[in-house]
Amino acid sequence: MSETGDELTDRLTEVFDLVGPLYRRAQRKVEQDAPIEGLSVGVRAVLNMLREHGPMTVPQMGRDQALSRQFVQRTTNDAAARGLVEFVPNPAHKKSSLIRLTEAGRAAITAVIDRERAVLRQIGGDLTEAEITACLRVLSRLLRLVDDVDVD
């Protein structure tokens, strides 16, 4: 039995209703654990992007995370003041430096991710790969729906 368009819309609304509190609670959890590495949610996001993608510019990080350039710049400056990232010349664009992880930054983000993974392991084994794949598919479609929202 397939669901009607209205029933699917109602189910997608349920997803949105869960994503907001999940995001806010996860953000608070990172902030509560921040004294361990001294990282805010914003610094964690910057460090993780650099870990995953290598050196990037502030505008690139802002676009990829749908965050304002000003917020990313403040966060990057905070990370640089802590010695977690460094600004290096950008051969492609002289006005926009590349931001690169330092060894201290790599160690800090690795510790955070290791701790987060340990918490996620507590979810248990009753979730299947197919359920996680379906969840990622739905969330990706919802993200594309709001892709045109201007963050600046």
Protein backbone atom coordinates (compact mmCIF):
# COMPACT_ATOMS: atom_id res chain seq x y z
CA MET A 1 0.00 0.00 0.00
CA SER A 2 1.58 3.27 -1.06
CA GLU A 3 1.11 6.56 0.70
CA THR A 4 -0.55 9.57 -0.91
CA GLY A 5 1.32 12.81 -1.54
CA ASP A 6 -0.25 14.41 1.55
CA GLU A 7 0.70 11.44 3.74
CA LEU A 8 4.30 11.59 2.50
CA THR A 9 4.36 15.33 3.10
CA ASP A 10 3.17 14.75 6.66
CA ARG A 11 5.93 12.16 7.15
CA LEU A 12 8.56 14.58 5.81
CA THR A 13 7.26 17.15 8.29
CA GLU A 14 7.95 14.59 11.03
CA VAL A 15 11.56 14.39 9.78
CA PHE A 16 11.94 18.19 9.95
CA ASP A 17 10.41 18.15 13.43
CA LEU A 18 13.13 15.73 14.56
CA VAL A 19 16.08 17.28 12.73
CA GLY A 20 15.83 20.64 14.54
CA PRO A 21 16.00 19.25 18.10
CA LEU A 22 18.60 16.68 17.04
CA TYR A 23 20.83 19.42 15.63
CA ARG A 24 20.41 21.69 18.66
CA ARG A 25 21.06 18.88 21.15
CA ALA A 26 24.08 17.62 19.22
CA GLN A 27 25.39 21.19 19.12
CA ARG A 28 24.95 21.54 22.88
CA LYS A 29 26.65 18.17 23.42
CA VAL A 30 29.68 19.30 21.42
CA GLU A 31 29.74 22.56 23.39
CA GLN A 32 29.45 20.67 26.72
CA ASP A 33 32.37 18.47 25.73
CA ALA A 34 34.31 21.46 24.37
CA PRO A 35 36.43 21.90 27.52
CA ILE A 36 38.17 18.66 26.60
CA GLU A 37 39.59 20.18 23.39
CA GLY A 38 38.34 23.75 23.83
CA LEU A 39 36.34 23.68 20.60
CA SER A 40 33.12 25.48 19.78
CA VAL A 41 30.71 23.94 17.29
CA GLY A 42 31.91 26.41 14.67
CA VAL A 43 35.59 25.60 15.18
CA ARG A 44 34.75 21.89 15.12
CA ALA A 45 32.97 22.35 11.76
CA VAL A 46 35.93 24.24 10.27
CA LEU A 47 38.45 21.68 11.51
CA ASN A 48 36.38 18.80 10.21
CA MET A 49 35.99 20.39 6.76
CA LEU A 50 39.74 20.91 6.53
CA ARG A 51 40.34 17.34 7.72
CA GLU A 52 38.01 16.00 5.02
CA HIS A 53 38.87 18.32 2.11
CA GLY A 54 42.34 19.69 2.78
CA PRO A 55 43.17 23.40 2.68
CA MET A 56 40.23 25.64 1.74
CA THR A 57 39.39 29.33 1.62
CA VAL A 58 36.88 30.96 3.96
CA PRO A 59 34.40 31.53 1.10
CA GLN A 60 34.64 27.86 0.07
CA MET A 61 33.94 26.71 3.63
CA GLY A 62 31.03 29.14 3.93
CA ARG A 63 29.43 27.86 0.72
CA ASP A 64 29.98 24.20 1.58
CA GLN A 65 28.49 24.57 5.06
CA ALA A 66 25.80 27.11 4.11
CA LEU A 67 27.23 29.54 6.65
CA SER A 68 27.96 33.23 6.26
CA ARG A 69 31.52 34.15 5.33
CA GLN A 70 31.64 36.45 8.36
CA PHE A 71 30.82 33.59 10.72
CA VAL A 72 33.37 31.29 9.08
CA GLN A 73 36.00 34.06 9.20
CA ARG A 74 35.41 34.64 12.94
CA THR A 75 35.52 30.90 13.58
CA THR A 76 38.67 30.50 11.52
CA ASN A 77 40.31 33.41 13.35
CA ASP A 78 39.41 31.73 16.66
CA ALA A 79 40.94 28.45 15.45
CA ALA A 80 44.07 30.29 14.26
CA ALA A 81 44.42 32.07 17.62
CA ARG A 82 44.45 28.61 19.25
CA GLY A 83 47.06 27.33 16.80
CA LEU A 84 44.65 24.85 15.23
CA VAL A 85 44.79 26.28 11.69
CA GLU A 86 47.15 28.49 9.77
CA PHE A 87 46.74 30.87 6.85
CA VAL A 88 48.89 30.03 3.83
CA PRO A 89 49.23 31.73 0.43
CA ASN A 90 46.69 30.67 -2.16
CA PRO A 91 48.32 30.23 -5.57
CA ALA A 92 44.90 30.50 -7.26
CA HIS A 93 43.81 33.75 -5.62
CA LYS A 94 46.12 36.19 -3.86
CA LYS A 95 43.38 37.93 -1.82
CA SER A 96 41.90 34.78 -0.32
CA SER A 97 44.34 32.74 1.78
CA LEU A 98 44.05 29.02 2.14
CA ILE A 99 43.27 27.76 5.62
CA ARG A 100 45.21 24.65 6.59
CA LEU A 101 45.08 22.39 9.65
CA THR A 102 48.09 22.42 11.93
CA GLU A 103 49.21 19.27 13.72
CA ALA A 104 47.47 20.57 16.86
CA GLY A 105 44.29 21.09 14.85
CA ARG A 106 44.46 17.61 13.37
CA ALA A 107 44.95 16.12 16.85
CA ALA A 108 42.03 18.13 18.27
CA ILE A 109 39.54 17.19 15.53
CA THR A 110 40.67 13.55 15.62
CA ALA A 111 40.02 13.43 19.38
CA VAL A 112 36.56 15.01 18.95
CA ILE A 113 35.57 12.62 16.17
CA ASP A 114 36.86 9.60 18.08
CA ARG A 115 34.77 10.66 21.10
CA GLU A 116 31.68 11.26 18.91
CA ARG A 117 32.08 7.85 17.27
CA ALA A 118 32.26 6.23 20.70
CA VAL A 119 28.93 7.88 21.60
CA LEU A 120 27.35 6.84 18.29
CA ARG A 121 28.34 3.22 18.92
CA GLN A 122 25.92 3.27 21.85
CA ILE A 123 22.96 3.46 19.46
CA GLY A 124 23.06 -0.30 19.21
CA GLY A 125 22.84 -2.83 16.47
CA ASP A 126 19.14 -2.65 15.65
CA LEU A 127 19.65 -0.14 12.82
CA THR A 128 20.40 -1.64 9.43
CA GLU A 129 22.59 -0.35 6.64
CA ALA A 130 19.45 -0.02 4.49
CA GLU A 131 17.77 2.18 7.13
CA ILE A 132 20.79 4.44 7.38
CA THR A 133 21.02 4.64 3.57
CA ALA A 134 17.32 5.57 3.39
CA CYS A 135 17.75 8.19 6.10
CA LEU A 136 20.69 9.75 4.27
CA ARG A 137 18.70 9.75 1.03
CA VAL A 138 15.75 11.55 2.65
CA LEU A 139 17.94 14.11 4.44
CA SER A 140 19.92 14.76 1.24
CA ARG A 141 16.69 15.40 -0.70
CA LEU A 142 15.45 17.77 2.01
CA LEU A 143 18.78 19.60 1.97
CA ARG A 144 18.57 20.04 -1.82
CA LEU A 145 15.05 21.46 -1.37
CA VAL A 146 16.47 24.38 0.63
CA ASP A 147 19.73 24.64 -1.28
CA ASP A 148 18.94 28.11 -2.59
CA VAL A 149 18.63 29.73 0.85
CA ASP A 150 21.07 32.65 1.07
CA VAL A 151 23.27 32.53 4.17
CA ASP A 152 24.86 35.97 3.78
